[in-house]
Amino acid sequence: MKSVMKCVLSNLQGKVMKSIVLLVIGMLFSASIQAEEIQGPAPDFTLKSRSGENIKLSELRGDVVMINFWASWCAPCRQEMPLLEDMYKKYNDLGFTLLGINVEEDSSKAGELLREIPVTFPVLYDTTNKVTKLYNVVAMPSTVIVDRDGNMRYLHRGYLPGYEEEYVKQIKTLIRE
């Protein structure tokens, strides 16, 4: 019985240690996913939208544009999607647009998610990941906010509750410029 208890305690200690290590790694990772200010022209691209039309980023010059890279398998993307929709509806008439770029090879998975979480902002499909690579996307979701002149201004990697408040501040700042 003592050996069984020792074994159980040893396993629990191992699991607790693994949990602590994973928690610390998660905290470090999420701390590095803060928004950062960036500079330079936003790389231009043209992608097919879910409505079938091609959308070219440079044709949106004059608007503040949020480019949000997402995937249907990404839990934070799912959590963020309704909040992005709210921002789009609120600020669209003020010269703001949002492009949701799905990064999956199979766009039918995106369609399934969009039936579950409907949005009105343009959703584009990057099935070959050309645009994803062009923007050096390394985390899901990733969001780039572009000013009216076509310059990248903010980059957000990942999503945690509360990031949308930072998005709104940045969008309002750029709309006023």
Protein backbone atom coordinates (compact mmCIF):
# COMPACT_ATOMS: atom_id res chain seq x y z
CA MET A 1 0.00 0.00 0.00
CA LYS A 2 2.86 2.39 0.84
CA SER A 3 4.48 1.78 -2.54
CA VAL A 4 1.17 2.50 -4.30
CA MET A 5 0.84 5.77 -2.34
CA LYS A 6 4.43 6.74 -3.21
CA CYS A 7 3.71 6.04 -6.88
CA VAL A 8 0.51 8.12 -6.78
CA LEU A 9 2.30 10.99 -5.00
CA SER A 10 5.17 10.85 -7.45
CA ASN A 11 2.75 10.99 -10.42
CA LEU A 12 0.86 13.91 -8.87
CA GLN A 13 4.08 15.81 -8.24
CA GLY A 14 5.11 15.20 -11.84
CA LYS A 15 1.74 16.43 -13.13
CA VAL A 16 1.83 19.48 -10.87
CA MET A 17 5.33 20.33 -12.09
CA LYS A 18 4.25 19.91 -15.72
CA SER A 19 1.24 22.16 -15.07
CA ILE A 20 3.43 24.82 -13.47
CA VAL A 21 5.92 24.69 -16.33
CA LEU A 22 3.11 24.95 -18.91
CA LEU A 23 1.55 27.84 -16.99
CA VAL A 24 4.85 29.74 -16.88
CA ILE A 25 5.47 29.10 -20.59
CA GLY A 26 1.92 30.27 -21.35
CA MET A 27 2.43 33.45 -19.33
CA LEU A 28 5.72 34.18 -21.08
CA PHE A 29 4.18 33.50 -24.47
CA SER A 30 1.10 35.66 -23.84
CA ALA A 31 3.29 38.48 -22.51
CA SER A 32 5.19 38.45 -25.80
CA ILE A 33 1.93 38.66 -27.74
CA GLN A 34 1.42 42.31 -26.88
CA ALA A 35 0.59 44.85 -29.54
CA GLU A 36 3.53 46.49 -31.17
CA GLU A 37 3.80 49.61 -33.26
CA ILE A 38 5.13 48.90 -36.72
CA GLN A 39 6.02 51.01 -39.74
CA GLY A 40 6.19 50.71 -43.47
CA PRO A 41 3.78 50.28 -46.31
CA ALA A 42 1.33 47.41 -45.97
CA PRO A 43 2.20 44.80 -48.60
CA ASP A 44 -0.50 44.89 -51.27
CA PHE A 45 -2.49 41.80 -52.11
CA THR A 46 -5.60 40.65 -53.91
CA LEU A 47 -7.69 37.79 -52.53
CA LYS A 48 -11.03 36.26 -53.42
CA SER A 49 -13.78 37.03 -50.92
CA ARG A 50 -16.55 34.72 -49.82
CA SER A 51 -18.92 36.75 -52.04
CA GLY A 52 -16.75 35.74 -55.01
CA GLU A 53 -15.30 39.17 -55.74
CA ASN A 54 -11.60 39.98 -55.61
CA ILE A 55 -10.58 42.50 -52.98
CA LYS A 56 -7.34 44.41 -53.37
CA LEU A 57 -5.88 46.11 -50.30
CA SER A 58 -4.56 49.14 -52.19
CA GLU A 59 -8.09 49.92 -53.40
CA LEU A 60 -9.06 50.53 -49.76
CA ARG A 61 -6.58 53.40 -49.39
CA GLY A 62 -8.33 56.26 -47.61
CA ASP A 63 -9.85 53.90 -45.04
CA VAL A 64 -8.35 52.58 -41.83
CA VAL A 65 -8.07 48.84 -42.49
CA MET A 66 -7.81 46.05 -39.95
CA ILE A 67 -6.44 42.83 -41.44
CA ASN A 68 -7.24 39.87 -39.21
CA PHE A 69 -5.67 36.49 -40.02
CA TRP A 70 -7.70 33.62 -38.57
CA ALA A 71 -8.46 29.90 -38.80
CA SER A 72 -11.52 27.85 -37.89
CA TRP A 73 -9.49 25.57 -35.58
CA CYS A 74 -8.25 28.56 -33.55
CA ALA A 75 -10.23 28.97 -30.29
CA PRO A 76 -9.10 32.59 -29.70
CA CYS A 77 -10.16 33.40 -33.28
CA ARG A 78 -13.64 32.08 -32.54
CA GLN A 79 -13.76 34.12 -29.35
CA GLU A 80 -12.60 37.28 -31.10
CA MET A 81 -14.84 37.03 -34.20
CA PRO A 82 -18.08 38.47 -32.69
CA LEU A 83 -16.09 41.33 -31.12
CA LEU A 84 -14.54 42.16 -34.50
CA GLU A 85 -18.03 42.16 -36.01
CA ASP A 86 -19.18 44.68 -33.38
CA MET A 87 -16.20 46.96 -34.17
CA TYR A 88 -16.86 46.70 -37.89
CA LYS A 89 -20.51 47.67 -37.50
CA LYS A 90 -19.70 50.55 -35.15
CA TYR A 91 -16.86 52.17 -37.11
CA ASN A 92 -17.51 51.17 -40.75
CA ASP A 93 -19.37 54.39 -41.55
CA LEU A 94 -16.41 56.41 -40.23
CA GLY A 95 -13.92 55.13 -42.80
CA PHE A 96 -12.98 51.82 -41.21
CA THR A 97 -13.02 48.43 -42.82
CA LEU A 98 -12.07 45.00 -41.59
CA LEU A 99 -10.72 42.17 -43.73
CA GLY A 100 -10.90 38.74 -42.15
CA ILE A 101 -8.36 36.53 -43.91
CA ASN A 102 -8.89 32.82 -43.44
CA VAL A 103 -5.56 30.98 -43.74
CA GLU A 104 -6.80 27.42 -44.28
CA GLU A 105 -6.24 25.43 -47.47
CA ASP A 106 -9.81 24.15 -47.24
CA SER A 107 -12.08 27.20 -47.15
CA SER A 108 -15.15 25.03 -46.46
CA LYS A 109 -14.03 24.87 -42.82
CA ALA A 110 -14.21 28.66 -42.68
CA GLY A 111 -17.70 28.49 -44.14
CA GLU A 112 -18.79 26.15 -41.35
CA LEU A 113 -17.50 28.55 -38.71
CA LEU A 114 -19.15 31.53 -40.42
CA ARG A 115 -22.52 29.77 -40.33
CA GLU A 116 -22.00 29.35 -36.59
CA ILE A 117 -20.64 32.87 -36.03
CA PRO A 118 -22.02 35.07 -38.83
CA VAL A 119 -20.17 38.27 -39.73
CA THR A 120 -20.83 41.05 -42.24
CA PHE A 121 -17.25 42.21 -42.78
CA PRO A 122 -15.42 40.92 -45.86
CA VAL A 123 -13.90 37.47 -45.40
CA LEU A 124 -11.07 36.58 -47.77
CA TYR A 125 -9.45 33.22 -48.46
CA ASP A 126 -5.67 32.77 -48.46
CA THR A 127 -5.72 29.07 -49.36
CA THR A 128 -2.10 29.12 -50.59
CA ASN A 129 -0.84 31.19 -47.62
CA LYS A 130 0.87 33.70 -49.92
CA VAL A 131 -0.52 36.70 -48.02
CA THR A 132 0.02 34.98 -44.67
CA LYS A 133 3.71 34.61 -45.56
CA LEU A 134 3.86 38.15 -46.97
CA TYR A 135 2.80 39.45 -43.54
CA ASN A 136 5.03 37.01 -41.60
CA VAL A 137 2.10 35.63 -39.63
CA VAL A 138 3.40 33.42 -36.81
CA ALA A 139 0.41 33.33 -34.43
CA MET A 140 -3.34 32.83 -34.74
CA PRO A 141 -5.04 35.17 -34.79
CA SER A 142 -2.77 37.95 -36.01
CA THR A 143 -4.05 41.46 -36.67
CA VAL A 144 -2.43 44.30 -38.59
CA ILE A 145 -3.99 47.76 -38.52
CA VAL A 146 -3.25 49.94 -41.55
CA ASP A 147 -3.70 53.73 -41.65
CA ARG A 148 -5.49 55.73 -44.35
CA ASP A 149 -2.23 56.16 -46.30
CA GLY A 150 -1.67 52.39 -46.54
CA ASN A 151 1.00 52.18 -43.85
CA MET A 152 1.09 49.45 -41.23
CA ARG A 153 0.80 50.96 -37.77
CA TYR A 154 -0.05 48.22 -35.27
CA LEU A 155 0.52 44.49 -35.03
CA HIS A 156 -1.22 42.18 -32.59
CA ARG A 157 -0.21 38.54 -32.28
CA GLY A 158 -2.72 36.24 -30.62
CA TYR A 159 -5.83 37.26 -28.76
CA LEU A 160 -6.73 37.49 -25.10
CA PRO A 161 -9.93 39.04 -23.70
CA GLY A 162 -9.43 42.79 -23.49
CA TYR A 163 -7.33 43.13 -26.67
CA GLU A 164 -10.43 44.51 -28.40
CA GLU A 165 -10.23 47.59 -26.16
CA GLU A 166 -6.74 48.28 -27.53
CA TYR A 167 -8.02 47.72 -31.09
CA VAL A 168 -10.75 50.33 -30.54
CA LYS A 169 -8.27 52.91 -29.18
CA GLN A 170 -5.99 52.38 -32.16
CA ILE A 171 -8.84 52.48 -34.68
CA LYS A 172 -10.21 55.72 -33.18
CA THR A 173 -6.74 57.30 -33.25
CA LEU A 174 -6.23 56.41 -36.91
CA ILE A 175 -9.74 57.50 -37.94
CA ARG A 176 -9.05 60.94 -36.42
CA GLU A 177 -5.76 61.38 -38.31
